[in-house]
Amino acid sequence: MVVPGGERTVVSQLRRGVLQFCVLAQLRDGEKYAYELVRELGDAHGLATSEGTIYPLLSRLRKLEWVASSWRDSESGPPRRYYALTPAGREALHAFTAEWEPFRTAVDTLLEHKEHRR
């Protein structure tokens, strides 16, 4: 569905708003390189993205100091940059998670209520 007056779909607008926090969540249990993040996001409904999207996002997260990165040799090609969640990133993820649940519940409640009125 395209939003009236815009080119972006509803899903792409939602994805754009939460993608950075989904990436932080992916890094919660350990470091990963960009292609792993892209592949895992692709496995989640509505979150498929490309390396062309993930690299600028990771750069922004590094500037915010929510992630740190380090280069490592790879057994199957050139060195890879691995990304890890920082304490500030963990705090940002925690704050988002605390806000997300009540927000999601409120939206679900409104959507369910509207469906029942029809």
PDB file of N, CA and C in Angstrom:
ATOM      1  N   MET A   1       0.844  -1.162   0.000  1.00  0.00           N
ATOM      2  CA  MET A   1       0.000   0.000   0.000  1.00  0.00           C
ATOM      3  C   MET A   1       0.893   1.230   0.000  1.00  0.00           C
ATOM      4  N   VAL A   2       0.611   2.180  -0.886  1.00  0.00           N
ATOM      5  CA  VAL A   2       1.362   3.427  -0.964  1.00  0.00           C
ATOM      6  C   VAL A   2       0.627   4.488  -0.154  1.00  0.00           C
ATOM      7  N   VAL A   3       1.380   5.233   0.614  1.00  0.00           N
ATOM      8  CA  VAL A   3       0.801   6.301   1.422  1.00  0.00           C
ATOM      9  C   VAL A   3       0.376   7.435   0.495  1.00  0.00           C
ATOM     10  N   PRO A   4      -0.845   7.954   0.627  1.00  0.00           N
ATOM     11  CA  PRO A   4      -1.287   9.064  -0.225  1.00  0.00           C
ATOM     12  C   PRO A   4      -0.307  10.236  -0.138  1.00  0.00           C
ATOM     13  N   GLY A   5       0.070  10.749  -1.311  1.00  0.00           N
ATOM     14  CA  GLY A   5       0.977  11.883  -1.369  1.00  0.00           C
ATOM     15  C   GLY A   5       2.434  11.516  -1.225  1.00  0.00           C
ATOM     16  N   GLY A   6       2.751  10.228  -1.183  1.00  0.00           N
ATOM     17  CA  GLY A   6       4.144   9.822  -1.009  1.00  0.00           C
ATOM     18  C   GLY A   6       4.461   8.569  -1.777  1.00  0.00           C
ATOM     19  N   GLU A   7       5.738   8.328  -1.954  1.00  0.00           N
ATOM     20  CA  GLU A   7       6.189   7.162  -2.689  1.00  0.00           C
ATOM     21  C   GLU A   7       6.453   5.960  -1.779  1.00  0.00           C
ATOM     22  N   ARG A   8       6.641   6.210  -0.511  1.00  0.00           N
ATOM     23  CA  ARG A   8       6.992   5.115   0.393  1.00  0.00           C
ATOM     24  C   ARG A   8       5.756   4.316   0.791  1.00  0.00           C
ATOM     25  N   THR A   9       5.940   3.038   0.924  1.00  0.00           N
ATOM     26  CA  THR A   9       4.842   2.217   1.409  1.00  0.00           C
ATOM     27  C   THR A   9       4.768   2.341   2.923  1.00  0.00           C
ATOM     28  N   VAL A  10       3.656   1.949   3.474  1.00  0.00           N
ATOM     29  CA  VAL A  10       3.484   1.975   4.923  1.00  0.00           C
ATOM     30  C   VAL A  10       4.565   1.129   5.582  1.00  0.00           C
ATOM     31  N   VAL A  11       4.811  -0.056   5.062  1.00  0.00           N
ATOM     32  CA  VAL A  11       5.809  -0.952   5.654  1.00  0.00           C
ATOM     33  C   VAL A  11       7.199  -0.339   5.595  1.00  0.00           C
ATOM     34  N   SER A  12       7.554   0.304   4.488  1.00  0.00           N
ATOM     35  CA  SER A  12       8.898   0.880   4.405  1.00  0.00           C
ATOM     36  C   SER A  12       9.059   2.040   5.389  1.00  0.00           C
ATOM     37  N   GLN A  13       7.999   2.795   5.639  1.00  0.00           N
ATOM     38  CA  GLN A  13       8.085   3.860   6.641  1.00  0.00           C
ATOM     39  C   GLN A  13       8.239   3.278   8.042  1.00  0.00           C
ATOM     40  N   LEU A  14       7.485   2.235   8.332  1.00  0.00           N
ATOM     41  CA  LEU A  14       7.627   1.582   9.633  1.00  0.00           C
ATOM     42  C   LEU A  14       9.029   0.994   9.796  1.00  0.00           C
ATOM     43  N   ARG A  15       9.506   0.326   8.764  1.00  0.00           N
ATOM     44  CA  ARG A  15      10.833  -0.295   8.794  1.00  0.00           C
ATOM     45  C   ARG A  15      11.908   0.766   9.034  1.00  0.00           C
ATOM     46  N   ARG A  16      11.791   1.880   8.332  1.00  0.00           N
ATOM     47  CA  ARG A  16      12.787   2.929   8.466  1.00  0.00           C
ATOM     48  C   ARG A  16      12.860   3.436   9.905  1.00  0.00           C
ATOM     49  N   GLY A  17      11.727   3.509  10.567  1.00  0.00           N
ATOM     50  CA  GLY A  17      11.698   3.997  11.937  1.00  0.00           C
ATOM     51  C   GLY A  17      12.270   3.042  12.968  1.00  0.00           C
ATOM     52  N   VAL A  18      12.215   1.752  12.704  1.00  0.00           N
ATOM     53  CA  VAL A  18      12.645   0.779  13.720  1.00  0.00           C
ATOM     54  C   VAL A  18      13.893  -0.010  13.335  1.00  0.00           C
ATOM     55  N   LEU A  19      14.372   0.143  12.116  1.00  0.00           N
ATOM     56  CA  LEU A  19      15.476  -0.686  11.635  1.00  0.00           C
ATOM     57  C   LEU A  19      16.715  -0.582  12.508  1.00  0.00           C
ATOM     58  N   GLN A  20      17.068   0.625  12.938  1.00  0.00           N
ATOM     59  CA  GLN A  20      18.280   0.759  13.744  1.00  0.00           C
ATOM     60  C   GLN A  20      18.155  -0.020  15.053  1.00  0.00           C
ATOM     61  N   PHE A  21      16.959  -0.069  15.609  1.00  0.00           N
ATOM     62  CA  PHE A  21      16.783  -0.803  16.855  1.00  0.00           C
ATOM     63  C   PHE A  21      16.752  -2.311  16.618  1.00  0.00           C
ATOM     64  N   CYS A  22      16.284  -2.718  15.449  1.00  0.00           N
ATOM     65  CA  CYS A  22      16.350  -4.138  15.089  1.00  0.00           C
ATOM     66  C   CYS A  22      17.801  -4.572  14.944  1.00  0.00           C
ATOM     67  N   VAL A  23      18.631  -3.710  14.376  1.00  0.00           N
ATOM     68  CA  VAL A  23      20.063  -4.011  14.248  1.00  0.00           C
ATOM     69  C   VAL A  23      20.704  -4.092  15.634  1.00  0.00           C
ATOM     70  N   LEU A  24      20.382  -3.149  16.501  1.00  0.00           N
ATOM     71  CA  LEU A  24      20.916  -3.212  17.866  1.00  0.00           C
ATOM     72  C   LEU A  24      20.503  -4.516  18.541  1.00  0.00           C
ATOM     73  N   ALA A  25      19.251  -4.924  18.335  1.00  0.00           N
ATOM     74  CA  ALA A  25      18.768  -6.180  18.929  1.00  0.00           C
ATOM     75  C   ALA A  25      19.547  -7.374  18.377  1.00  0.00           C
ATOM     76  N   GLN A  26      19.890  -7.325  17.092  1.00  0.00           N
ATOM     77  CA  GLN A  26      20.661  -8.423  16.503  1.00  0.00           C
ATOM     78  C   GLN A  26      22.050  -8.521  17.132  1.00  0.00           C
ATOM     79  N   LEU A  27      22.575  -7.410  17.593  1.00  0.00           N
ATOM     80  CA  LEU A  27      23.920  -7.384  18.174  1.00  0.00           C
ATOM     81  C   LEU A  27      23.918  -7.624  19.682  1.00  0.00           C
ATOM     82  N   ARG A  28      22.741  -7.742  20.263  1.00  0.00           N
ATOM     83  CA  ARG A  28      22.613  -7.908  21.712  1.00  0.00           C
ATOM     84  C   ARG A  28      23.392  -9.108  22.230  1.00  0.00           C
ATOM     85  N   ASP A  29      23.407 -10.198  21.481  1.00  0.00           N
ATOM     86  CA  ASP A  29      24.048 -11.424  21.969  1.00  0.00           C
ATOM     87  C   ASP A  29      25.448 -11.652  21.406  1.00  0.00           C
ATOM     88  N   GLY A  30      25.959 -10.699  20.659  1.00  0.00           N
ATOM     89  CA  GLY A  30      27.314 -10.861  20.141  1.00  0.00           C
ATOM     90  C   GLY A  30      27.516 -10.112  18.840  1.00  0.00           C
ATOM     91  N   GLU A  31      28.767  -9.986  18.462  1.00  0.00           N
ATOM     92  CA  GLU A  31      29.089  -9.195  17.277  1.00  0.00           C
ATOM     93  C   GLU A  31      28.793  -9.947  15.984  1.00  0.00           C
ATOM     94  N   LYS A  32      28.562  -9.153  14.932  1.00  0.00           N
ATOM     95  CA  LYS A  32      28.247  -9.709  13.610  1.00  0.00           C
ATOM     96  C   LYS A  32      28.811  -8.781  12.548  1.00  0.00           C
ATOM     97  N   TYR A  33      28.969  -9.306  11.349  1.00  0.00           N
ATOM     98  CA  TYR A  33      29.368  -8.442  10.240  1.00  0.00           C
ATOM     99  C   TYR A  33      28.133  -8.095   9.417  1.00  0.00           C
ATOM    100  N   ALA A  34      28.260  -7.078   8.567  1.00  0.00           N
ATOM    101  CA  ALA A  34      27.106  -6.481   7.885  1.00  0.00           C
ATOM    102  C   ALA A  34      26.280  -7.500   7.107  1.00  0.00           C
ATOM    103  N   TYR A  35      26.933  -8.394   6.373  1.00  0.00           N
ATOM    104  CA  TYR A  35      26.166  -9.337   5.573  1.00  0.00           C
ATOM    105  C   TYR A  35      25.314 -10.252   6.454  1.00  0.00           C
ATOM    106  N   GLU A  36      25.822 -10.626   7.621  1.00  0.00           N
ATOM    107  CA  GLU A  36      25.018 -11.433   8.552  1.00  0.00           C
ATOM    108  C   GLU A  36      23.762 -10.670   8.968  1.00  0.00           C
ATOM    109  N   LEU A  37      23.930  -9.383   9.252  1.00  0.00           N
ATOM    110  CA  LEU A  37      22.792  -8.560   9.642  1.00  0.00           C
ATOM    111  C   LEU A  37      21.756  -8.498   8.528  1.00  0.00           C
ATOM    112  N   VAL A  38      22.217  -8.280   7.300  1.00  0.00           N
ATOM    113  CA  VAL A  38      21.305  -8.215   6.148  1.00  0.00           C
ATOM    114  C   VAL A  38      20.558  -9.527   5.984  1.00  0.00           C
ATOM    115  N   ARG A  39      21.279 -10.627   6.079  1.00  0.00           N
ATOM    116  CA  ARG A  39      20.663 -11.954   5.906  1.00  0.00           C
ATOM    117  C   ARG A  39      19.619 -12.219   6.989  1.00  0.00           C
ATOM    118  N   GLU A  40      19.936 -11.912   8.231  1.00  0.00           N
ATOM    119  CA  GLU A  40      18.988 -12.137   9.324  1.00  0.00           C
ATOM    120  C   GLU A  40      17.767 -11.218   9.211  1.00  0.00           C
ATOM    121  N   LEU A  41      17.987  -9.980   8.816  1.00  0.00           N
ATOM    122  CA  LEU A  41      16.853  -9.076   8.614  1.00  0.00           C
ATOM    123  C   LEU A  41      15.954  -9.590   7.496  1.00  0.00           C
ATOM    124  N   GLY A  42      16.560 -10.156   6.463  1.00  0.00           N
ATOM    125  CA  GLY A  42      15.792 -10.710   5.354  1.00  0.00           C
ATOM    126  C   GLY A  42      14.918 -11.875   5.774  1.00  0.00           C
ATOM    127  N   ASP A  43      15.321 -12.572   6.829  1.00  0.00           N
ATOM    128  CA  ASP A  43      14.536 -13.700   7.330  1.00  0.00           C
ATOM    129  C   ASP A  43      13.323 -13.253   8.147  1.00  0.00           C
ATOM    130  N   ALA A  44      13.325 -11.990   8.579  1.00  0.00           N
ATOM    131  CA  ALA A  44      12.218 -11.465   9.387  1.00  0.00           C
ATOM    132  C   ALA A  44      11.226 -10.752   8.466  1.00  0.00           C
ATOM    133  N   HIS A  45       9.957 -11.070   8.585  1.00  0.00           N
ATOM    134  CA  HIS A  45       8.925 -10.492   7.718  1.00  0.00           C
ATOM    135  C   HIS A  45       8.950  -8.966   7.753  1.00  0.00           C
ATOM    136  N   GLY A  46       9.023  -8.347   6.578  1.00  0.00           N
ATOM    137  CA  GLY A  46       8.960  -6.902   6.468  1.00  0.00           C
ATOM    138  C   GLY A  46      10.245  -6.164   6.757  1.00  0.00           C
ATOM    139  N   LEU A  47      11.318  -6.874   7.087  1.00  0.00           N
ATOM    140  CA  LEU A  47      12.560  -6.204   7.448  1.00  0.00           C
ATOM    141  C   LEU A  47      13.678  -6.387   6.424  1.00  0.00           C
ATOM    142  N   ALA A  48      13.386  -7.032   5.314  1.00  0.00           N
ATOM    143  CA  ALA A  48      14.419  -7.246   4.292  1.00  0.00           C
ATOM    144  C   ALA A  48      15.039  -5.911   3.912  1.00  0.00           C
ATOM    145  N   THR A  49      16.348  -5.897   3.838  1.00  0.00           N
ATOM    146  CA  THR A  49      17.086  -4.693   3.485  1.00  0.00           C
ATOM    147  C   THR A  49      18.309  -5.097   2.673  1.00  0.00           C
ATOM    148  N   SER A  50      19.071  -4.132   2.240  1.00  0.00           N
ATOM    149  CA  SER A  50      20.245  -4.417   1.414  1.00  0.00           C
ATOM    150  C   SER A  50      21.493  -3.897   2.105  1.00  0.00           C
ATOM    151  N   GLU A  51      22.635  -4.299   1.573  1.00  0.00           N
ATOM    152  CA  GLU A  51      23.895  -3.783   2.105  1.00  0.00           C
ATOM    153  C   GLU A  51      23.988  -2.279   1.876  1.00  0.00           C
ATOM    154  N   GLY A  52      23.339  -1.784   0.817  1.00  0.00           N
ATOM    155  CA  GLY A  52      23.323  -0.350   0.544  1.00  0.00           C
ATOM    156  C   GLY A  52      22.574   0.447   1.597  1.00  0.00           C
ATOM    157  N   THR A  53      21.706  -0.217   2.335  1.00  0.00           N
ATOM    158  CA  THR A  53      20.990   0.419   3.441  1.00  0.00           C
ATOM    159  C   THR A  53      21.717   0.198   4.758  1.00  0.00           C
ATOM    160  N   ILE A  54      22.267  -0.994   4.932  1.00  0.00           N
ATOM    161  CA  ILE A  54      22.836  -1.346   6.236  1.00  0.00           C
ATOM    162  C   ILE A  54      24.143  -0.613   6.522  1.00  0.00           C
ATOM    163  N   TYR A  55      24.978  -0.402   5.499  1.00  0.00           N
ATOM    164  CA  TYR A  55      26.255   0.265   5.755  1.00  0.00           C
ATOM    165  C   TYR A  55      26.088   1.705   6.235  1.00  0.00           C
ATOM    166  N   PRO A  56      25.244   2.534   5.596  1.00  0.00           N
ATOM    167  CA  PRO A  56      25.034   3.882   6.146  1.00  0.00           C
ATOM    168  C   PRO A  56      24.413   3.853   7.549  1.00  0.00           C
ATOM    169  N   LEU A  57      23.529   2.895   7.787  1.00  0.00           N
ATOM    170  CA  LEU A  57      22.917   2.763   9.106  1.00  0.00           C
ATOM    171  C   LEU A  57      23.980   2.425  10.148  1.00  0.00           C
ATOM    172  N   LEU A  58      24.849   1.471   9.838  1.00  0.00           N
ATOM    173  CA  LEU A  58      25.916   1.105  10.769  1.00  0.00           C
ATOM    174  C   LEU A  58      26.864   2.278  11.005  1.00  0.00           C
ATOM    175  N   SER A  59      27.107   3.046   9.980  1.00  0.00           N
ATOM    176  CA  SER A  59      27.946   4.240  10.127  1.00  0.00           C
ATOM    177  C   SER A  59      27.299   5.235  11.100  1.00  0.00           C
ATOM    178  N   ARG A  60      25.990   5.453  10.961  1.00  0.00           N
ATOM    179  CA  ARG A  60      25.278   6.340  11.887  1.00  0.00           C
ATOM    180  C   ARG A  60      25.331   5.803  13.314  1.00  0.00           C
ATOM    181  N   LEU A  61      25.155   4.489  13.460  1.00  0.00           N
ATOM    182  CA  LEU A  61      25.191   3.884  14.790  1.00  0.00           C
ATOM    183  C   LEU A  61      26.582   4.012  15.416  1.00  0.00           C
ATOM    184  N   ARG A  62      27.625   3.937  14.587  1.00  0.00           N
ATOM    185  CA  ARG A  62      28.997   4.141  15.088  1.00  0.00           C
ATOM    186  C   ARG A  62      29.185   5.592  15.539  1.00  0.00           C
ATOM    187  N   LYS A  63      28.662   6.545  14.761  1.00  0.00           N
ATOM    188  CA  LYS A  63      28.781   7.959  15.137  1.00  0.00           C
ATOM    189  C   LYS A  63      28.038   8.257  16.436  1.00  0.00           C
ATOM    190  N   LEU A  64      26.917   7.579  16.638  1.00  0.00           N
ATOM    191  CA  LEU A  64      26.166   7.726  17.889  1.00  0.00           C
ATOM    192  C   LEU A  64      26.843   7.003  19.053  1.00  0.00           C
ATOM    193  N   GLU A  65      27.861   6.199  18.719  1.00  0.00           N
ATOM    194  CA  GLU A  65      28.583   5.352  19.676  1.00  0.00           C
ATOM    195  C   GLU A  65      27.689   4.286  20.295  1.00  0.00           C
ATOM    196  N   TRP A  66      26.708   3.845  19.494  1.00  0.00           N
ATOM    197  CA  TRP A  66      25.844   2.739  19.910  1.00  0.00           C
ATOM    198  C   TRP A  66      26.429   1.404  19.481  1.00  0.00           C
ATOM    199  N   VAL A  67      27.297   1.416  18.484  1.00  0.00           N
ATOM    200  CA  VAL A  67      28.036   0.220  18.081  1.00  0.00           C
ATOM    201  C   VAL A  67      29.504   0.591  17.905  1.00  0.00           C
ATOM    202  N   ALA A  68      30.344  -0.399  18.090  1.00  0.00           N
ATOM    203  CA  ALA A  68      31.775  -0.270  17.822  1.00  0.00           C
ATOM    204  C   ALA A  68      32.103  -1.300  16.748  1.00  0.00           C
ATOM    205  N   SER A  69      33.192  -1.087  16.045  1.00  0.00           N
ATOM    206  CA  SER A  69      33.538  -2.046  15.002  1.00  0.00           C
ATOM    207  C   SER A  69      35.025  -2.385  15.063  1.00  0.00           C
ATOM    208  N   SER A  70      35.350  -3.545  14.519  1.00  0.00           N
ATOM    209  CA  SER A  70      36.739  -3.983  14.428  1.00  0.00           C
ATOM    210  C   SER A  70      36.885  -4.878  13.199  1.00  0.00           C
ATOM    211  N   TRP A  71      38.050  -4.828  12.606  1.00  0.00           N
ATOM    212  CA  TRP A  71      38.333  -5.646  11.419  1.00  0.00           C
ATOM    213  C   TRP A  71      38.912  -6.976  11.853  1.00  0.00           C
ATOM    214  N   ARG A  72      38.504  -8.031  11.144  1.00  0.00           N
ATOM    215  CA  ARG A  72      39.022  -9.379  11.397  1.00  0.00           C
ATOM    216  C   ARG A  72      39.285 -10.077  10.081  1.00  0.00           C
ATOM    217  N   ASP A  73      40.317 -10.908  10.074  1.00  0.00           N
ATOM    218  CA  ASP A  73      40.570 -11.730   8.896  1.00  0.00           C
ATOM    219  C   ASP A  73      39.433 -12.722   8.731  1.00  0.00           C
ATOM    220  N   SER A  74      39.163 -13.065   7.473  1.00  0.00           N
ATOM    221  CA  SER A  74      38.122 -14.033   7.157  1.00  0.00           C
ATOM    222  C   SER A  74      38.763 -15.248   6.520  1.00  0.00           C
ATOM    223  N   GLU A  75      38.236 -16.413   6.848  1.00  0.00           N
ATOM    224  CA  GLU A  75      38.752 -17.653   6.252  1.00  0.00           C
ATOM    225  C   GLU A  75      38.333 -17.787   4.794  1.00  0.00           C
ATOM    226  N   SER A  76      37.285 -17.058   4.395  1.00  0.00           N
ATOM    227  CA  SER A  76      36.747 -17.235   3.045  1.00  0.00           C
ATOM    228  C   SER A  76      36.765 -15.950   2.219  1.00  0.00           C
ATOM    229  N   GLY A  77      37.767 -15.104   2.404  1.00  0.00           N
ATOM    230  CA  GLY A  77      37.836 -13.899   1.604  1.00  0.00           C
ATOM    231  C   GLY A  77      38.551 -12.778   2.317  1.00  0.00           C
ATOM    232  N   PRO A  78      38.223 -11.551   1.923  1.00  0.00           N
ATOM    233  CA  PRO A  78      38.903 -10.394   2.526  1.00  0.00           C
ATOM    234  C   PRO A  78      38.493 -10.205   3.990  1.00  0.00           C
ATOM    235  N   PRO A  79      39.232  -9.374   4.714  1.00  0.00           N
ATOM    236  CA  PRO A  79      38.861  -9.102   6.115  1.00  0.00           C
ATOM    237  C   PRO A  79      37.437  -8.544   6.201  1.00  0.00           C
ATOM    238  N   ARG A  80      36.799  -8.782   7.343  1.00  0.00           N
ATOM    239  CA  ARG A  80      35.437  -8.321   7.566  1.00  0.00           C
ATOM    240  C   ARG A  80      35.407  -7.367   8.754  1.00  0.00           C
ATOM    241  N   ARG A  81      34.519  -6.383   8.655  1.00  0.00           N
ATOM    242  CA  ARG A  81      34.314  -5.479   9.781  1.00  0.00           C
ATOM    243  C   ARG A  81      33.176  -6.043  10.615  1.00  0.00           C
ATOM    244  N   TYR A  82      33.472  -6.322  11.863  1.00  0.00           N
ATOM    245  CA  TYR A  82      32.467  -6.822  12.800  1.00  0.00           C
ATOM    246  C   TYR A  82      31.957  -5.673  13.657  1.00  0.00           C
ATOM    247  N   TYR A  83      30.669  -5.722  13.960  1.00  0.00           N
ATOM    248  CA  TYR A  83      30.019  -4.685  14.755  1.00  0.00           C
ATOM    249  C   TYR A  83      29.560  -5.282  16.074  1.00  0.00           C
ATOM    250  N   ALA A  84      29.726  -4.508  17.145  1.00  0.00           N
ATOM    251  CA  ALA A  84      29.342  -4.955  18.484  1.00  0.00           C
ATOM    252  C   ALA A  84      28.566  -3.841  19.177  1.00  0.00           C
ATOM    253  N   LEU A  85      27.633  -4.236  19.993  1.00  0.00           N
ATOM    254  CA  LEU A  85      26.825  -3.302  20.767  1.00  0.00           C
ATOM    255  C   LEU A  85      27.688  -2.695  21.882  1.00  0.00           C
ATOM    256  N   THR A  86      27.619  -1.398  22.052  1.00  0.00           N
ATOM    257  CA  THR A  86      28.330  -0.716  23.139  1.00  0.00           C
ATOM    258  C   THR A  86      27.374  -0.563  24.321  1.00  0.00           C
ATOM    259  N   PRO A  87      27.895  -0.176  25.489  1.00  0.00           N
ATOM    260  CA  PRO A  87      26.983   0.087  26.607  1.00  0.00           C
ATOM    261  C   PRO A  87      25.931   1.153  26.266  1.00  0.00           C
ATOM    262  N   ALA A  88      26.323   2.193  25.523  1.00  0.00           N
ATOM    263  CA  ALA A  88      25.348   3.220  25.122  1.00  0.00           C
ATOM    264  C   ALA A  88      24.305   2.637  24.168  1.00  0.00           C
ATOM    265  N   GLY A  89      24.722   1.733  23.294  1.00  0.00           N
ATOM    266  CA  GLY A  89      23.782   1.073  22.383  1.00  0.00           C
ATOM    267  C   GLY A  89      22.826   0.168  23.137  1.00  0.00           C
ATOM    268  N   ARG A  90      23.345  -0.521  24.131  1.00  0.00           N
ATOM    269  CA  ARG A  90      22.500  -1.393  24.961  1.00  0.00           C
ATOM    270  C   ARG A  90      21.463  -0.550  25.709  1.00  0.00           C
ATOM    271  N   GLU A  91      21.880   0.612  26.183  1.00  0.00           N
ATOM    272  CA  GLU A  91      20.967   1.526  26.873  1.00  0.00           C
ATOM    273  C   GLU A  91      19.893   2.051  25.913  1.00  0.00           C
ATOM    274  N   ALA A  92      20.303   2.411  24.689  1.00  0.00           N
ATOM    275  CA  ALA A  92      19.346   2.896  23.685  1.00  0.00           C
ATOM    276  C   ALA A  92      18.337   1.803  23.333  1.00  0.00           C
ATOM    277  N   LEU A  93      18.811   0.576  23.188  1.00  0.00           N
ATOM    278  CA  LEU A  93      17.929  -0.546  22.892  1.00  0.00           C
ATOM    279  C   LEU A  93      16.957  -0.785  24.040  1.00  0.00           C
ATOM    280  N   HIS A  94      17.457  -0.705  25.251  1.00  0.00           N
ATOM    281  CA  HIS A  94      16.595  -0.893  26.424  1.00  0.00           C
ATOM    282  C   HIS A  94      15.503   0.183  26.465  1.00  0.00           C
ATOM    283  N   ALA A  95      15.895   1.443  26.215  1.00  0.00           N
ATOM    284  CA  ALA A  95      14.925   2.547  26.228  1.00  0.00           C
ATOM    285  C   ALA A  95      13.880   2.362  25.129  1.00  0.00           C
ATOM    286  N   PHE A  96      14.327   1.958  23.939  1.00  0.00           N
ATOM    287  CA  PHE A  96      13.384   1.726  22.844  1.00  0.00           C
ATOM    288  C   PHE A  96      12.424   0.591  23.191  1.00  0.00           C
ATOM    289  N   THR A  97      12.960  -0.484  23.728  1.00  0.00           N
ATOM    290  CA  THR A  97      12.137  -1.645  24.083  1.00  0.00           C
ATOM    291  C   THR A  97      11.074  -1.266  25.110  1.00  0.00           C
ATOM    292  N   ALA A  98      11.457  -0.435  26.074  1.00  0.00           N
ATOM    293  CA  ALA A  98      10.496   0.006  27.094  1.00  0.00           C
ATOM    294  C   ALA A  98       9.363   0.825  26.472  1.00  0.00           C
ATOM    295  N   GLU A  99       9.659   1.600  25.450  1.00  0.00           N
ATOM    296  CA  GLU A  99       8.632   2.403  24.780  1.00  0.00           C
ATOM    297  C   GLU A  99       7.855   1.592  23.745  1.00  0.00           C
ATOM    298  N   TRP A 100       8.516   0.632  23.121  1.00  0.00           N
ATOM    299  CA  TRP A 100       7.911  -0.114  22.022  1.00  0.00           C
ATOM    300  C   TRP A 100       6.705  -0.930  22.472  1.00  0.00           C
ATOM    301  N   GLU A 101       6.831  -1.635  23.588  1.00  0.00           N
ATOM    302  CA  GLU A 101       5.740  -2.516  24.012  1.00  0.00           C
ATOM    303  C   GLU A 101       4.430  -1.762  24.241  1.00  0.00           C
ATOM    304  N   PRO A 102       4.421  -0.677  25.013  1.00  0.00           N
ATOM    305  CA  PRO A 102       3.148   0.041  25.176  1.00  0.00           C
ATOM    306  C   PRO A 102       2.668   0.678  23.874  1.00  0.00           C
ATOM    307  N   PHE A 103       3.593   1.133  23.041  1.00  0.00           N
ATOM    308  CA  PHE A 103       3.219   1.717  21.751  1.00  0.00           C
ATOM    309  C   PHE A 103       2.555   0.668  20.867  1.00  0.00           C
ATOM    310  N   ARG A 104       3.200  -0.498  20.761  1.00  0.00           N
ATOM    311  CA  ARG A 104       2.657  -1.591  19.954  1.00  0.00           C
ATOM    312  C   ARG A 104       1.296  -2.023  20.483  1.00  0.00           C
ATOM    313  N   THR A 105       1.158  -2.123  21.782  1.00  0.00           N
ATOM    314  CA  THR A 105      -0.104  -2.518  22.393  1.00  0.00           C
ATOM    315  C   THR A 105      -1.200  -1.505  22.076  1.00  0.00           C
ATOM    316  N   ALA A 106      -0.859  -0.214  22.150  1.00  0.00           N
ATOM    317  CA  ALA A 106      -1.850   0.825  21.844  1.00  0.00           C
ATOM    318  C   ALA A 106      -2.299   0.738  20.387  1.00  0.00           C
ATOM    319  N   VAL A 107      -1.361   0.552  19.476  1.00  0.00           N
ATOM    320  CA  VAL A 107      -1.720   0.435  18.056  1.00  0.00           C
ATOM    321  C   VAL A 107      -2.560  -0.810  17.826  1.00  0.00           C
ATOM    322  N   ASP A 108      -2.126  -1.942  18.389  1.00  0.00           N
ATOM    323  CA  ASP A 108      -2.901  -3.182  18.235  1.00  0.00           C
ATOM    324  C   ASP A 108      -4.316  -3.010  18.770  1.00  0.00           C
ATOM    325  N   THR A 109      -4.452  -2.367  19.911  1.00  0.00           N
ATOM    326  CA  THR A 109      -5.772  -2.157  20.514  1.00  0.00           C
ATOM    327  C   THR A 109      -6.660  -1.325  19.601  1.00  0.00           C
ATOM    328  N   LEU A 110      -6.096  -0.245  19.057  1.00  0.00           N
ATOM    329  CA  LEU A 110      -6.877   0.600  18.149  1.00  0.00           C
ATOM    330  C   LEU A 110      -7.259  -0.144  16.883  1.00  0.00           C
ATOM    331  N   LEU A 111      -6.332  -0.896  16.329  1.00  0.00           N
ATOM    332  CA  LEU A 111      -6.633  -1.638  15.103  1.00  0.00           C
ATOM    333  C   LEU A 111      -7.673  -2.719  15.353  1.00  0.00           C
ATOM    334  N   GLU A 112      -7.545  -3.438  16.439  1.00  0.00           N
ATOM    335  CA  GLU A 112      -8.512  -4.485  16.759  1.00  0.00           C
ATOM    336  C   GLU A 112      -9.881  -3.883  17.043  1.00  0.00           C
ATOM    337  N   HIS A 113      -9.917  -2.774  17.755  1.00  0.00           N
ATOM    338  CA  HIS A 113     -11.179  -2.124  18.080  1.00  0.00           C
ATOM    339  C   HIS A 113     -11.881  -1.661  16.810  1.00  0.00           C
ATOM    340  N   LYS A 114     -11.150  -1.091  15.892  1.00  0.00           N
ATOM    341  CA  LYS A 114     -11.719  -0.604  14.646  1.00  0.00           C
ATOM    342  C   LYS A 114     -12.272  -1.762  13.830  1.00  0.00           C
ATOM    343  N   GLU A 115     -11.564  -2.886  13.798  1.00  0.00           N
ATOM    344  CA  GLU A 115     -12.014  -4.049  13.044  1.00  0.00           C
ATOM    345  C   GLU A 115     -13.328  -4.594  13.622  1.00  0.00           C
ATOM    346  N   HIS A 116     -13.476  -4.533  14.944  1.00  0.00           N
ATOM    347  CA  HIS A 116     -14.694  -5.054  15.568  1.00  0.00           C
ATOM    348  C   HIS A 116     -15.907  -4.171  15.313  1.00  0.00           C
ATOM    349  N   ARG A 117     -15.701  -2.889  15.037  1.00  0.00           N
ATOM    350  CA  ARG A 117     -16.816  -1.971  14.798  1.00  0.00           C
ATOM    351  C   ARG A 117     -17.422  -2.142  13.415  1.00  0.00           C
ATOM    352  N   ARG A 118     -16.705  -2.680  12.493  1.00  0.00           N
ATOM    353  CA  ARG A 118     -17.211  -2.800  11.114  1.00  0.00           C
ATOM    354  C   ARG A 118     -18.309  -3.785  10.980  1.00  0.00           C
TER     355      ARG A 118
END
